[in-house]
Amino acid sequence: MMRGVPVEVLQRVPLFADLAKPEAQKIARLFKERRFSRGETVVKEGSGGAAFFVIVSGEATVFIGGNERATLKHGDYFGEIALIDQGTRMATITASTELVCYGLTHWDFRPVVENNALVGWKLLQQTAKMLRATRQEAHELENALAVRIEVQMRLS
């Protein structure tokens, strides 16, 4: 089993984008290679989240509420928030081909953050940026929906 995800791959993930190379290397070394057979469930919606994955090769399908929502490929990732909050999975991810990922568990990740305040601060800042972007997107969707409802009401 190989250990360590390439640093460049890790730094493409928004959560880790602001880490300096030495900081990213520390975290990158903690990843372990994981292989999944075609049809195998990688994570299940509603289950506890304990790991983050970056896809190295193959494809995976994202299902939410049983409905197919997206296809993930080389360079895509999922579960980064589980590293921090260990919350339940919001989707089921199933290998649609032979799938090779690098995975990082929260119990391997947490000590790095606890022992390095600068890494923790940078991750906190990135998390806040992600939250702000999500809120902005939700606001824009809410406005678009309100306009659509208003148009529908005028046409009725």
Protein backbone atom coordinates (compact mmCIF):
# COMPACT_ATOMS: atom_id res chain seq x y z
CA MET A 1 0.00 0.00 0.00
CA MET A 2 1.42 3.36 -1.05
CA ARG A 3 1.51 6.27 1.36
CA GLY A 4 1.28 9.92 0.55
CA VAL A 5 -0.64 11.94 -2.00
CA PRO A 6 1.37 14.25 -4.30
CA VAL A 7 1.53 17.71 -2.68
CA GLU A 8 0.37 19.39 -5.91
CA VAL A 9 -2.81 17.29 -5.84
CA LEU A 10 -3.47 18.21 -2.22
CA GLN A 11 -2.96 21.92 -2.86
CA ARG A 12 -5.67 21.87 -5.58
CA VAL A 13 -8.22 21.10 -2.85
CA PRO A 14 -9.59 24.47 -1.64
CA LEU A 15 -9.32 23.48 2.04
CA PHE A 16 -5.55 23.01 1.66
CA ALA A 17 -4.85 25.63 -1.03
CA ASP A 18 -3.27 28.20 1.30
CA LEU A 19 -0.84 25.84 3.00
CA ALA A 20 2.86 26.40 2.36
CA LYS A 21 4.62 23.47 0.71
CA PRO A 22 6.22 22.16 3.95
CA GLU A 23 2.83 22.27 5.70
CA ALA A 24 1.15 20.50 2.80
CA GLN A 25 3.91 17.88 2.70
CA LYS A 26 3.29 17.06 6.36
CA ILE A 27 -0.36 16.34 5.60
CA ALA A 28 0.26 14.70 2.21
CA ARG A 29 2.42 12.03 3.81
CA LEU A 30 -0.51 10.89 5.96
CA PHE A 31 -2.63 9.74 3.02
CA LYS A 32 -2.94 6.02 2.25
CA GLU A 33 -3.76 4.49 -1.09
CA ARG A 34 -7.21 2.88 -1.25
CA ARG A 35 -8.58 0.72 -4.06
CA PHE A 36 -12.25 0.05 -4.77
CA SER A 37 -13.76 -2.43 -7.21
CA ARG A 38 -16.37 -1.45 -9.78
CA GLY A 39 -19.73 -1.19 -7.98
CA GLU A 40 -18.21 -0.94 -4.52
CA THR A 41 -19.55 1.74 -2.17
CA VAL A 42 -16.81 4.11 -1.03
CA VAL A 43 -18.98 6.13 1.35
CA LYS A 44 -22.68 5.86 2.16
CA GLU A 45 -25.10 8.76 2.58
CA GLY A 46 -26.06 9.17 6.22
CA SER A 47 -23.12 7.19 7.57
CA GLY A 48 -20.48 8.73 9.80
CA GLY A 49 -17.77 10.64 8.02
CA ALA A 50 -14.22 9.84 9.02
CA ALA A 51 -12.14 10.22 5.87
CA PHE A 52 -11.33 12.47 2.93
CA PHE A 53 -10.50 11.02 -0.50
CA VAL A 54 -8.71 12.27 -3.62
CA ILE A 55 -9.27 10.24 -6.81
CA VAL A 56 -6.07 9.15 -8.58
CA SER A 57 -7.63 7.00 -11.31
CA GLY A 58 -11.01 5.66 -12.31
CA GLU A 59 -14.46 7.13 -11.87
CA ALA A 60 -17.06 7.26 -9.14
CA THR A 61 -20.73 8.17 -9.19
CA VAL A 62 -22.35 10.50 -6.64
CA PHE A 63 -25.87 9.66 -5.46
CA ILE A 64 -27.96 11.92 -3.24
CA GLY A 65 -31.25 10.54 -1.97
CA GLY A 66 -30.82 7.66 -4.42
CA ASN A 67 -30.58 9.99 -7.44
CA GLU A 68 -27.45 10.15 -9.55
CA ARG A 69 -26.00 13.65 -9.30
CA ALA A 70 -22.43 13.67 -10.63
CA THR A 71 -19.43 11.71 -11.81
CA LEU A 72 -16.07 12.14 -10.10
CA LYS A 73 -12.79 11.54 -11.97
CA HIS A 74 -9.03 11.90 -11.58
CA GLY A 75 -8.22 14.90 -9.38
CA ASP A 76 -11.69 15.16 -7.89
CA TYR A 77 -12.12 14.78 -4.14
CA PHE A 78 -14.80 14.29 -1.50
CA GLY A 79 -15.16 14.17 2.27
CA GLU A 80 -12.90 17.10 3.18
CA ILE A 81 -15.38 18.48 5.70
CA ALA A 82 -15.46 15.08 7.46
CA LEU A 83 -11.83 15.69 8.43
CA ILE A 84 -13.00 18.50 10.67
CA ASP A 85 -16.52 17.73 11.84
CA GLN A 86 -16.88 13.95 11.39
CA GLY A 87 -20.47 14.65 10.37
CA THR A 88 -22.69 12.32 8.42
CA ARG A 89 -22.11 11.81 4.71
CA MET A 90 -24.30 13.92 2.45
CA ALA A 91 -24.00 11.52 -0.51
CA THR A 92 -23.24 7.95 -1.48
CA ILE A 93 -20.13 7.57 -3.62
CA THR A 94 -19.87 4.36 -5.64
CA ALA A 95 -16.96 3.23 -7.81
CA SER A 96 -18.26 3.12 -11.40
CA THR A 97 -14.92 1.69 -12.60
CA GLU A 98 -11.90 0.32 -10.79
CA LEU A 99 -11.11 3.25 -8.50
CA VAL A 100 -7.84 4.28 -6.89
CA CYS A 101 -7.93 7.01 -4.25
CA TYR A 102 -5.72 8.44 -1.56
CA GLY A 103 -7.54 8.62 1.75
CA LEU A 104 -6.89 10.55 4.95
CA THR A 105 -8.72 9.83 8.20
CA HIS A 106 -9.60 12.44 10.80
CA TRP A 107 -7.63 10.55 13.47
CA ASP A 108 -4.45 10.87 11.38
CA PHE A 109 -5.21 14.48 10.44
CA ARG A 110 -6.24 15.89 13.82
CA PRO A 111 -2.84 15.62 15.59
CA VAL A 112 -1.18 17.61 12.79
CA VAL A 113 -3.65 20.44 13.27
CA GLU A 114 -3.54 20.27 17.08
CA ASN A 115 0.25 20.50 17.05
CA ASN A 116 0.52 23.25 14.45
CA ALA A 117 -1.47 26.41 15.12
CA LEU A 118 -0.52 27.99 11.78
CA VAL A 119 -1.93 25.02 9.84
CA GLY A 120 -5.07 25.15 11.99
CA TRP A 121 -5.49 28.89 11.39
CA LYS A 122 -5.07 28.52 7.61
CA LEU A 123 -7.61 25.70 7.54
CA LEU A 124 -10.03 27.81 9.60
CA GLN A 125 -9.63 30.69 7.15
CA GLN A 126 -10.25 28.41 4.16
CA THR A 127 -13.30 26.91 5.85
CA ALA A 128 -14.67 30.42 6.43
CA LYS A 129 -14.07 31.29 2.75
CA MET A 130 -15.90 28.14 1.69
CA LEU A 131 -18.81 28.96 4.01
CA ARG A 132 -18.99 32.51 2.68
CA ALA A 133 -19.03 31.25 -0.93
CA THR A 134 -21.76 28.73 -0.10
CA ARG A 135 -23.86 31.41 1.58
CA GLN A 136 -23.44 33.68 -1.44
CA GLU A 137 -24.46 30.87 -3.78
CA ALA A 138 -27.51 30.10 -1.62
CA HIS A 139 -28.47 33.79 -1.63
CA GLU A 140 -28.20 33.93 -5.43
CA LEU A 141 -30.31 30.78 -5.80
CA GLU A 142 -32.90 32.18 -3.40
CA ASN A 143 -33.12 35.40 -5.44
CA ALA A 144 -33.40 33.47 -8.73
CA LEU A 145 -36.18 31.33 -7.26
CA ALA A 146 -38.03 34.40 -5.98
CA VAL A 147 -37.90 35.96 -9.46
CA ARG A 148 -39.14 32.74 -11.04
CA ILE A 149 -42.04 32.50 -8.59
CA GLU A 150 -42.94 36.13 -9.23
CA VAL A 151 -42.97 35.53 -13.00
CA GLN A 152 -45.09 32.39 -12.57
CA MET A 153 -47.57 34.32 -10.42
CA ARG A 154 -47.87 37.07 -13.05
CA LEU A 155 -48.50 34.49 -15.77
CA SER A 156 -51.20 32.70 -13.74
